[in-house]
Amino acid sequence: MDVFKLHRGSAPLLISLPHDGSAIPDAISARLTDGARSAPDTDWFVSRLYDFARDLGASVLVPTYSRYVVDLNRSSDDVSLYPGQNTTGLCPIVRFSGEPVYREGEQPTPTEIAERVQRYWQPYHQALAGEIERIRSEHGRVLLWEGHSIRAELPFLFEGRLPDFNLGTVGGNSCAPAMQQRIAAVLSEQGDYTWVANGRFKGGYITRHYGDPTRGVDAVQLELAQSTYMDDVAVTYDDDKAAATATMIRKLLAAALAN
């Protein structure tokens, strides 16, 4: 299978969905715990939720493989994004629940991790960097929008219930201040969803690494509570919820791209 799929659009907008993939090669799957084989920590259905983006002229980059193979939103040297907090790494050995990913003694070795980086991580990031530069050279700017989702309650990762919309701009450093203000204004003016900017999720490796507003590359991460568009217990898509959430995301994208 291809490592990723890239749809090239015509607008100064690139949507990256690095945790949408759920495939796990058989050789790796055989070493996983029974609970991990279904890739429960997938950002379920985010590519379906963002399907409207093609109508906006967006480029869309979607991986094939699960974060359990390699996490595309972690640095290749596996430096922690959130020092001192529970998190998962480049080739996760623990699930969001705190339970193990691998059977005892079956965790990947440093050599295997390096091989996975070369086979799965590098191609995605080469495509990402290449598309950023293509769009920037054509339009003079690019908005890199990181689409993510996660269960709203995960005691291993955070206390309490996560807000519905979690905006991450690395504390305002990965995009122009005016862009963050426009996005925050849209969220502030609506009353259907709870939200926070730069809370528990401030932006992962992709947002931090590629966001450079001085070069015309604005990067924004949106971490959604999965309950905004699906049943996060049954792991099923909810068309009505998703339609309303997609409408809100469209408004955020329009605000972000406004001159």
Protein backbone atom coordinates (compact mmCIF):
# COMPACT_ATOMS: atom_id res chain seq x y z
CA MET A 1 0.00 0.00 0.00
CA ASP A 2 1.02 3.59 -0.52
CA VAL A 3 2.33 5.30 2.61
CA PHE A 4 0.07 8.32 2.02
CA LYS A 5 -2.35 9.94 -0.38
CA LEU A 6 -1.92 13.54 -1.47
CA HIS A 7 -4.63 15.56 -3.19
CA ARG A 8 -3.16 18.74 -4.65
CA GLY A 9 -5.49 21.70 -4.58
CA SER A 10 -5.51 25.24 -5.91
CA ALA A 11 -5.86 27.29 -2.71
CA PRO A 12 -3.16 28.42 -0.24
CA LEU A 13 -4.40 25.73 2.17
CA LEU A 14 -2.85 22.38 3.08
CA ILE A 15 -4.71 20.08 5.43
CA SER A 16 -2.58 17.39 7.06
CA LEU A 17 -4.31 14.51 8.87
CA PRO A 18 -1.35 12.57 10.28
CA HIS A 19 -3.31 10.29 12.61
CA ASP A 20 -6.11 9.31 10.24
CA GLY A 21 -4.38 6.09 9.15
CA SER A 22 -5.31 2.82 10.83
CA ALA A 23 -3.50 0.12 8.84
CA ILE A 24 -0.93 -2.02 10.65
CA PRO A 25 1.35 -4.42 8.75
CA ASP A 26 0.78 -8.06 9.67
CA ALA A 27 4.31 -8.51 11.01
CA ILE A 28 3.76 -5.69 13.50
CA SER A 29 0.14 -6.54 14.30
CA ALA A 30 1.15 -10.07 15.37
CA ARG A 31 3.22 -8.56 18.19
CA LEU A 32 0.52 -6.23 19.52
CA THR A 33 -1.78 -6.85 22.44
CA ASP A 34 -5.30 -7.90 21.54
CA GLY A 35 -6.64 -4.47 22.49
CA ALA A 36 -4.12 -2.61 20.37
CA ARG A 37 -4.64 -4.48 17.09
CA SER A 38 -7.74 -2.43 16.26
CA ALA A 39 -5.65 0.78 16.50
CA PRO A 40 -8.00 2.36 19.09
CA ASP A 41 -6.03 5.62 19.26
CA THR A 42 -6.74 6.51 15.64
CA ASP A 43 -8.16 9.96 14.84
CA TRP A 44 -11.24 8.21 13.53
CA PHE A 45 -13.00 9.53 10.43
CA VAL A 46 -11.17 12.87 10.29
CA SER A 47 -10.58 12.54 6.54
CA ARG A 48 -14.32 11.98 6.14
CA LEU A 49 -15.06 14.99 8.33
CA TYR A 50 -12.71 17.15 6.25
CA ASP A 51 -13.99 15.85 2.92
CA PHE A 52 -15.51 19.28 2.24
CA ALA A 53 -12.03 20.83 2.11
CA ARG A 54 -11.46 19.78 -1.49
CA ASP A 55 -14.36 22.01 -2.50
CA LEU A 56 -12.41 24.88 -0.93
CA GLY A 57 -9.42 24.11 -3.16
CA ALA A 58 -7.38 22.68 -0.30
CA SER A 59 -4.56 20.21 -0.68
CA VAL A 60 -5.11 17.22 1.62
CA LEU A 61 -2.45 14.82 2.90
CA VAL A 62 -3.64 11.58 4.50
CA PRO A 63 -1.49 8.67 5.74
CA THR A 64 -2.32 5.00 5.37
CA TYR A 65 -0.72 3.54 8.47
CA SER A 66 -1.56 3.81 12.14
CA ARG A 67 0.34 5.91 14.64
CA TYR A 68 1.21 2.55 16.24
CA VAL A 69 3.51 1.93 13.26
CA VAL A 70 5.09 5.37 13.58
CA ASP A 71 3.66 8.64 14.83
CA LEU A 72 3.98 11.18 12.04
CA ASN A 73 3.37 14.03 14.47
CA ARG A 74 6.45 13.27 16.57
CA SER A 75 10.02 14.22 15.75
CA SER A 76 12.19 11.49 14.27
CA ASP A 77 14.47 11.70 17.33
CA ASP A 78 11.46 11.13 19.62
CA VAL A 79 11.96 14.22 21.79
CA SER A 80 8.90 14.62 24.04
CA LEU A 81 6.42 17.30 23.01
CA TYR A 82 5.14 17.68 26.55
CA PRO A 83 7.96 17.09 29.05
CA GLY A 84 6.73 15.97 32.44
CA GLN A 85 3.32 14.87 31.16
CA ASN A 86 2.07 11.47 30.11
CA THR A 87 2.23 11.18 26.35
CA THR A 88 3.03 8.68 23.61
CA GLY A 89 6.16 8.52 21.50
CA LEU A 90 7.44 8.06 17.98
CA CYS A 91 6.67 4.34 17.96
CA PRO A 92 4.20 4.18 20.83
CA ILE A 93 4.56 1.41 23.39
CA VAL A 94 1.65 2.63 25.51
CA ARG A 95 -1.92 3.42 24.51
CA PHE A 96 -3.92 6.53 25.43
CA SER A 97 -5.49 4.37 28.13
CA GLY A 98 -2.08 3.69 29.66
CA GLU A 99 -2.23 0.03 28.62
CA PRO A 100 0.62 -1.54 26.62
CA VAL A 101 0.65 -1.58 22.83
CA TYR A 102 2.95 -4.60 22.55
CA ARG A 103 3.04 -8.00 24.12
CA GLU A 104 5.79 -8.49 26.66
CA GLY A 105 9.20 -8.60 24.98
CA GLU A 106 7.82 -7.56 21.56
CA GLN A 107 8.55 -3.83 21.63
CA PRO A 108 10.44 -2.42 18.62
CA THR A 109 14.20 -2.12 18.85
CA PRO A 110 16.08 1.11 18.01
CA THR A 111 17.05 -0.45 14.68
CA GLU A 112 13.44 -1.27 13.84
CA ILE A 113 12.33 2.22 14.84
CA ALA A 114 14.93 3.73 12.50
CA GLU A 115 13.64 1.49 9.70
CA ARG A 116 10.07 2.60 10.31
CA VAL A 117 11.15 6.25 10.22
CA GLN A 118 12.78 5.68 6.85
CA ARG A 119 9.91 3.66 5.39
CA TYR A 120 6.85 5.51 6.73
CA TRP A 121 7.81 8.80 8.44
CA GLN A 122 10.21 10.30 5.93
CA PRO A 123 7.96 9.91 2.84
CA TYR A 124 5.08 11.66 4.60
CA HIS A 125 7.26 14.54 5.69
CA GLN A 126 8.91 14.84 2.30
CA ALA A 127 5.46 15.13 0.74
CA LEU A 128 4.37 17.61 3.41
CA ALA A 129 7.43 19.83 2.98
CA GLY A 130 7.19 19.64 -0.79
CA GLU A 131 3.53 20.63 -0.86
CA ILE A 132 4.14 23.51 1.53
CA GLU A 133 6.81 24.87 -0.78
CA ARG A 134 4.71 24.32 -3.91
CA ILE A 135 1.79 26.25 -2.44
CA ARG A 136 3.99 28.98 -1.00
CA SER A 137 5.76 29.51 -4.31
CA GLU A 138 2.42 29.75 -6.11
CA HIS A 139 0.52 31.92 -3.63
CA GLY A 140 3.22 33.58 -1.56
CA ARG A 141 1.73 32.05 1.57
CA VAL A 142 0.29 28.80 2.90
CA LEU A 143 -1.91 27.79 5.79
CA LEU A 144 -0.95 24.38 7.14
CA TRP A 145 -3.97 23.11 9.05
CA GLU A 146 -3.40 20.07 11.24
CA GLY A 147 -6.64 18.12 11.68
CA HIS A 148 -6.79 15.87 14.75
CA SER A 149 -9.31 14.29 17.07
CA ILE A 150 -9.24 12.41 20.36
CA ARG A 151 -11.62 10.99 22.92
CA ALA A 152 -12.82 13.70 25.27
CA GLU A 153 -12.01 11.78 28.44
CA LEU A 154 -8.60 10.13 28.80
CA PRO A 155 -7.37 10.22 32.40
CA PHE A 156 -3.93 8.91 31.40
CA LEU A 157 -3.35 12.03 29.27
CA PHE A 158 -5.36 14.78 30.97
CA GLU A 159 -7.75 15.46 33.83
CA GLY A 160 -11.44 16.00 33.35
CA ARG A 161 -13.13 16.48 30.00
CA LEU A 162 -11.40 18.04 27.03
CA PRO A 163 -13.07 21.07 25.39
CA ASP A 164 -14.74 20.39 22.04
CA PHE A 165 -12.33 22.52 19.97
CA ASN A 166 -8.68 22.70 21.01
CA LEU A 167 -6.70 25.25 19.03
CA GLY A 168 -2.92 24.87 19.04
CA THR A 169 -0.51 27.50 17.74
CA VAL A 170 2.48 26.75 19.98
CA GLY A 171 1.56 29.65 22.22
CA GLY A 172 0.97 31.93 19.25
CA ASN A 173 4.32 31.23 17.56
CA SER A 174 3.29 29.00 14.65
CA CYS A 175 0.97 31.46 12.91
CA ALA A 176 0.52 35.21 12.58
CA PRO A 177 -1.10 36.76 15.68
CA ALA A 178 -3.87 38.27 13.56
CA MET A 179 -4.74 34.82 12.20
CA GLN A 180 -5.11 33.34 15.66
CA GLN A 181 -7.23 36.32 16.70
CA ARG A 182 -9.58 35.80 13.74
CA ILE A 183 -9.97 32.09 14.51
CA ALA A 184 -10.51 32.75 18.21
CA ALA A 185 -13.12 35.40 17.37
CA VAL A 186 -15.19 32.86 15.42
CA LEU A 187 -15.02 30.41 18.32
CA SER A 188 -15.89 33.13 20.83
CA GLU A 189 -18.95 34.22 18.87
CA GLN A 190 -20.55 30.78 18.73
CA GLY A 191 -22.24 29.04 21.64
CA ASP A 192 -22.53 25.44 20.56
CA TYR A 193 -19.00 24.24 21.33
CA THR A 194 -16.56 24.66 24.18
CA TRP A 195 -13.05 25.63 23.13
CA VAL A 196 -9.59 26.62 24.29
CA ALA A 197 -6.46 27.98 22.65
CA ASN A 198 -3.12 26.45 23.56
CA GLY A 199 -4.48 24.35 26.39
CA ARG A 200 -3.49 20.71 26.83
CA PHE A 201 -2.71 20.47 23.11
CA LYS A 202 -0.54 23.33 21.91
CA GLY A 203 0.46 21.80 18.60
CA GLY A 204 2.48 18.72 17.77
CA TYR A 205 5.74 18.30 15.92
CA ILE A 206 4.29 19.24 12.53
CA THR A 207 2.83 22.50 13.78
CA ARG A 208 6.01 23.34 15.68
CA HIS A 209 8.43 22.34 12.95
CA TYR A 210 6.77 23.74 9.85
CA GLY A 211 5.01 26.81 11.20
CA ASP A 212 7.06 29.88 10.25
CA PRO A 213 4.88 32.95 9.77
CA THR A 214 7.94 35.05 8.89
CA ARG A 215 8.17 32.94 5.69
CA GLY A 216 4.46 33.01 5.02
CA VAL A 217 3.88 29.52 6.47
CA ASP A 218 1.16 29.66 9.13
CA ALA A 219 0.50 26.41 10.99
CA VAL A 220 -2.55 25.70 13.15
CA GLN A 221 -3.54 22.50 14.91
CA LEU A 222 -7.18 21.76 15.66
CA GLU A 223 -7.70 18.89 18.09
CA LEU A 224 -11.37 17.98 18.21
CA ALA A 225 -13.13 16.02 20.91
CA GLN A 226 -14.41 13.04 18.94
CA SER A 227 -17.84 13.41 20.54
CA THR A 228 -18.36 16.49 18.32
CA TYR A 229 -18.80 14.36 15.20
CA MET A 230 -19.08 10.69 16.17
CA ASP A 231 -20.05 8.23 18.87
CA ASP A 232 -16.67 7.80 20.53
CA VAL A 233 -17.79 4.69 22.41
CA ALA A 234 -19.29 2.74 19.52
CA VAL A 235 -16.73 4.32 17.14
CA THR A 236 -19.36 5.24 14.57
CA TYR A 237 -19.75 8.38 12.48
CA ASP A 238 -22.67 10.65 13.33
CA ASP A 239 -23.78 12.45 10.17
CA ASP A 240 -25.77 15.15 11.94
CA LYS A 241 -23.07 15.99 14.46
CA ALA A 242 -20.42 15.86 11.76
CA ALA A 243 -22.32 18.22 9.45
CA ALA A 244 -22.54 20.86 12.19
CA THR A 245 -18.88 20.43 13.16
CA ALA A 246 -17.72 20.58 9.55
CA THR A 247 -19.65 23.83 9.12
CA MET A 248 -17.80 25.29 12.11
CA ILE A 249 -14.44 24.14 10.74
CA ARG A 250 -15.25 25.80 7.41
CA LYS A 251 -15.86 29.05 9.27
CA LEU A 252 -12.52 28.71 11.06
CA LEU A 253 -10.69 28.05 7.81
CA ALA A 254 -12.36 31.02 6.13
CA ALA A 255 -11.36 33.27 9.02
CA ALA A 256 -7.81 31.96 8.99
CA LEU A 257 -7.41 32.57 5.25
CA ALA A 258 -8.99 36.03 5.26
CA ASN A 259 -6.63 38.85 4.35
